[in-house]
């Protein structure tokens, strides 16, 4: 029947095109190399160029150099953390060489210290204030290290948190040390006993004034 001729020609064309597609696909796959990487794989499986600093920073470590080829394609996140930690450690050492008082080895929890700092809301950079209080906590986080100071200006309890490497922190002077080293790592219980503490007056500068509540 002539009316079925267009349908037959269309089916024949589709079969021919299907065979051509299969032949076109099988030829390059047969000569292809290793299979493509899984797109869902961890992006750190392929090392980045900057991770090579892991070995240049550990040239003095024979264990790291001996396992260099073994660890080349592994533990990239761990190597990244090591690089950042090593850079922060070197920066901390450089700052402490210029300003030795920025060191937790000079004061500890329970010490009465005098802090000179520059208020952030001061109109001039020459305005400084001094405060005396007890160190109740120390947070060691490389360049983000800080400590908490419990004081009582104008007979009102106030707690400060100073960043050890902040440029607004100008000096730290130890006024007195406890007779016995505290057993607890954090002396937060002293917040309820701040009324019983006696702090010496700041040696110089302007003492901060407590803000009156509205």
Protein backbone atom coordinates (compact mmCIF):
# COMPACT_ATOMS: atom_id res chain seq x y z
CA UNK A 1 0.00 0.00 0.00
CA UNK A 2 1.54 3.32 -1.02
CA UNK A 3 0.25 5.06 2.06
CA UNK A 4 2.60 2.96 4.25
CA UNK A 5 5.72 3.91 2.30
CA UNK A 6 6.49 7.08 4.36
CA UNK A 7 6.25 5.10 7.59
CA UNK A 8 8.56 2.38 6.31
CA UNK A 9 11.13 4.89 5.11
CA UNK A 10 11.02 6.67 8.48
CA UNK A 11 11.60 3.39 10.37
CA UNK A 12 14.47 2.49 8.07
CA UNK A 13 16.05 5.90 8.61
CA UNK A 14 15.73 5.60 12.38
CA UNK A 15 17.38 2.16 12.37
CA UNK A 16 20.19 3.45 10.19
CA UNK A 17 20.74 6.47 12.42
CA UNK A 18 20.69 4.26 15.53
CA UNK A 19 23.34 1.99 14.09
CA UNK A 20 25.41 5.00 13.15
CA UNK A 21 25.15 6.39 16.65
CA UNK A 22 26.18 3.07 18.19
CA UNK A 23 29.09 2.73 15.81
CA UNK A 24 30.12 6.31 16.50
CA UNK A 25 30.02 5.76 20.26
CA UNK A 26 31.80 2.42 20.37
CA UNK A 27 34.83 3.46 18.34
CA UNK A 28 36.16 6.23 20.63
CA UNK A 29 35.32 4.27 23.79
CA UNK A 30 37.40 1.33 22.60
CA UNK A 31 40.45 3.54 22.20
CA UNK A 32 39.82 5.62 25.33
CA UNK A 33 42.28 5.68 28.20
CA UNK A 34 41.48 5.25 31.92
CA UNK A 35 37.91 5.98 33.02
CA UNK A 36 37.00 9.52 33.97
CA UNK A 37 37.20 10.55 37.62
CA UNK A 38 34.07 10.29 39.70
CA UNK A 39 32.48 13.78 39.82
CA UNK A 40 31.18 13.00 43.33
CA UNK A 41 34.70 12.36 44.66
CA UNK A 42 36.22 14.57 47.32
CA UNK A 43 37.74 17.71 45.71
CA UNK A 44 40.80 17.29 47.93
CA UNK A 45 41.72 13.99 46.28
CA UNK A 46 43.63 15.99 43.68
CA UNK A 47 46.31 18.00 45.47
CA UNK A 48 46.42 21.73 44.90
CA UNK A 49 49.74 23.44 44.06
CA UNK A 50 49.78 25.52 47.24
CA UNK A 51 49.74 22.34 49.36
CA UNK A 52 53.37 21.82 48.39
CA UNK A 53 54.20 24.32 51.15
CA UNK A 54 53.48 21.48 53.58
CA UNK A 55 56.87 19.97 52.69
CA UNK A 56 58.80 23.22 52.41
CA UNK A 57 57.64 24.10 55.94
CA UNK A 58 58.75 20.66 57.20
CA UNK A 59 62.16 20.41 55.58
CA UNK A 60 63.68 19.94 59.06
CA UNK A 61 61.38 16.95 59.72
CA UNK A 62 62.96 13.75 58.31
CA UNK A 63 59.76 11.73 58.81
CA UNK A 64 57.74 14.12 56.63
CA UNK A 65 60.37 14.11 53.89
CA UNK A 66 60.65 10.32 53.92
CA UNK A 67 56.88 9.93 53.48
CA UNK A 68 56.59 12.69 50.91
CA UNK A 69 55.76 10.45 47.95
CA UNK A 70 53.43 8.33 50.03
CA UNK A 71 51.40 11.30 51.28
CA UNK A 72 51.42 13.25 48.03
CA UNK A 73 47.80 12.46 47.16
CA UNK A 74 46.44 11.92 50.67
CA UNK A 75 45.33 13.95 53.68
CA UNK A 76 45.11 17.24 51.80
CA UNK A 77 42.79 18.86 54.41
CA UNK A 78 45.23 17.89 57.16
CA UNK A 79 48.10 19.42 55.23
CA UNK A 80 46.09 22.62 54.74
CA UNK A 81 45.47 22.92 58.48
CA UNK A 82 49.15 22.35 59.19
CA UNK A 83 50.16 25.14 56.76
CA UNK A 84 47.80 27.65 58.37
CA UNK A 85 48.86 26.65 61.89
CA UNK A 86 52.54 26.93 60.99
CA UNK A 87 52.05 30.40 59.47
CA UNK A 88 50.21 31.56 62.60
CA UNK A 89 52.92 30.11 64.85
CA UNK A 90 55.65 32.00 63.01
CA UNK A 91 53.65 35.22 63.14
CA UNK A 92 53.11 34.79 66.89
CA UNK A 93 56.84 34.26 67.44
CA UNK A 94 57.66 37.39 65.43
CA UNK A 95 55.20 39.49 67.46
CA UNK A 96 56.47 38.14 70.78
CA UNK A 97 60.05 38.96 69.81
CA UNK A 98 59.07 42.59 69.20
CA UNK A 99 56.77 42.77 72.25
CA UNK A 100 57.76 40.15 74.85
CA UNK A 101 54.90 41.08 77.18
CA UNK A 102 52.40 39.51 74.77
CA UNK A 103 53.00 36.06 76.21
CA UNK A 104 50.87 33.86 78.46
CA UNK A 105 54.04 32.60 80.13
CA UNK A 106 54.30 35.96 81.93
CA UNK A 107 50.90 35.75 83.66
CA UNK A 108 48.36 33.06 84.48
CA UNK A 109 44.91 32.52 85.94
CA UNK A 110 44.41 34.15 89.32
CA UNK A 111 47.03 36.88 88.73
CA UNK A 112 46.18 40.52 89.37
CA UNK A 113 47.31 42.41 86.27
CA UNK A 114 47.13 46.00 85.07
CA UNK A 115 46.08 46.49 81.46
CA UNK A 116 46.65 49.57 79.36
CA UNK A 117 44.48 49.68 76.26
CA UNK A 118 43.06 52.07 73.72
CA UNK A 119 39.25 52.29 73.76
CA UNK A 120 37.68 51.52 70.40
CA UNK A 121 35.25 54.43 70.69
CA UNK A 122 38.00 56.95 71.49
CA UNK A 123 38.10 60.01 69.24
CA UNK A 124 41.90 60.09 69.27
CA UNK A 125 44.50 57.34 69.14
CA UNK A 126 46.37 59.03 72.01
CA UNK A 127 43.55 58.34 74.48
CA UNK A 128 44.39 55.34 76.66
CA UNK A 129 42.86 53.76 79.75
CA UNK A 130 44.17 51.51 82.50
CA UNK A 131 42.29 48.86 84.43
CA UNK A 132 43.34 46.44 87.18
CA UNK A 133 41.67 43.08 87.63
CA UNK A 134 42.01 39.32 88.04
CA UNK A 135 42.61 36.99 85.13
CA UNK A 136 39.84 34.38 85.33
CA UNK A 137 40.28 32.64 81.97
CA UNK A 138 42.85 32.20 79.20
CA UNK A 139 41.96 31.10 75.66
CA UNK A 140 44.92 29.87 73.61
CA UNK A 141 44.08 30.11 69.90
CA UNK A 142 47.29 31.29 68.19
CA UNK A 143 46.63 34.78 66.77
CA UNK A 144 43.11 34.66 68.19
CA UNK A 145 44.28 34.12 71.77
CA UNK A 146 42.48 36.12 74.44
CA UNK A 147 41.98 36.36 78.20
CA UNK A 148 39.18 37.49 80.53
CA UNK A 149 39.77 40.11 83.19
CA UNK A 150 37.41 40.53 86.14
CA UNK A 151 37.64 43.98 87.72
CA UNK A 152 35.58 46.43 89.74
CA UNK A 153 35.87 50.06 88.61
CA UNK A 154 33.77 52.43 90.72
CA UNK A 155 32.70 49.46 92.89
CA UNK A 156 30.78 47.92 89.96
CA UNK A 157 31.77 44.45 88.69
CA UNK A 158 32.93 44.48 85.07
CA UNK A 159 34.42 41.71 82.97
CA UNK A 160 36.68 42.44 79.99
CA UNK A 161 37.87 40.13 77.27
CA UNK A 162 41.12 41.30 75.67
CA UNK A 163 42.66 39.91 72.50
CA UNK A 164 46.31 39.20 73.29
CA UNK A 165 47.60 40.31 69.87
CA UNK A 166 45.18 43.17 69.31
CA UNK A 167 46.81 46.52 68.43
CA UNK A 168 44.46 48.24 70.90
CA UNK A 169 46.17 46.36 73.76
CA UNK A 170 49.19 48.46 74.76
CA UNK A 171 50.73 46.80 77.82
CA UNK A 172 50.26 44.10 80.47
CA UNK A 173 51.83 44.44 83.91
CA UNK A 174 51.54 41.80 86.65
CA UNK A 175 50.76 43.45 89.99
CA UNK A 176 50.56 40.33 92.17
CA UNK A 177 50.31 36.53 91.99
CA UNK A 178 48.31 34.13 94.17
CA UNK A 179 50.06 32.12 96.87
CA UNK A 180 48.77 28.87 95.39
CA UNK A 181 48.16 28.06 91.76
CA UNK A 182 44.44 27.62 90.98
CA UNK A 183 43.34 24.06 90.40
CA UNK A 184 40.62 24.93 87.88
CA UNK A 185 41.34 25.95 84.30
CA UNK A 186 38.63 28.66 84.37
CA UNK A 187 37.86 30.76 87.45
CA UNK A 188 34.34 31.70 86.47
CA UNK A 189 33.15 31.15 90.04
CA UNK A 190 34.96 34.37 90.99
CA UNK A 191 32.20 36.33 89.28
CA UNK A 192 30.03 35.71 92.35
CA UNK A 193 32.87 36.68 94.71
CA UNK A 194 34.07 39.83 93.00
CA UNK A 195 32.69 41.89 95.89
CA UNK A 196 35.20 40.32 98.26
CA UNK A 197 38.23 41.10 96.08
CA UNK A 198 40.48 44.09 96.68
CA UNK A 199 42.27 45.48 93.65
CA UNK A 200 45.06 48.08 93.73
CA UNK A 201 44.55 51.35 91.95
CA UNK A 202 46.00 51.77 88.45
CA UNK A 203 49.54 53.10 88.53
CA UNK A 204 48.92 55.80 85.89
CA UNK A 205 46.70 56.92 83.06
CA UNK A 206 42.96 57.23 83.08
CA UNK A 207 40.85 54.62 84.79
CA UNK A 208 37.68 53.64 82.92
CA UNK A 209 34.47 54.96 84.41
CA UNK A 210 31.50 52.71 84.79
CA UNK A 211 28.57 53.70 82.59
CA UNK A 212 25.40 54.49 84.44
CA UNK A 213 22.36 52.49 83.44
CA UNK A 214 19.43 54.34 81.99
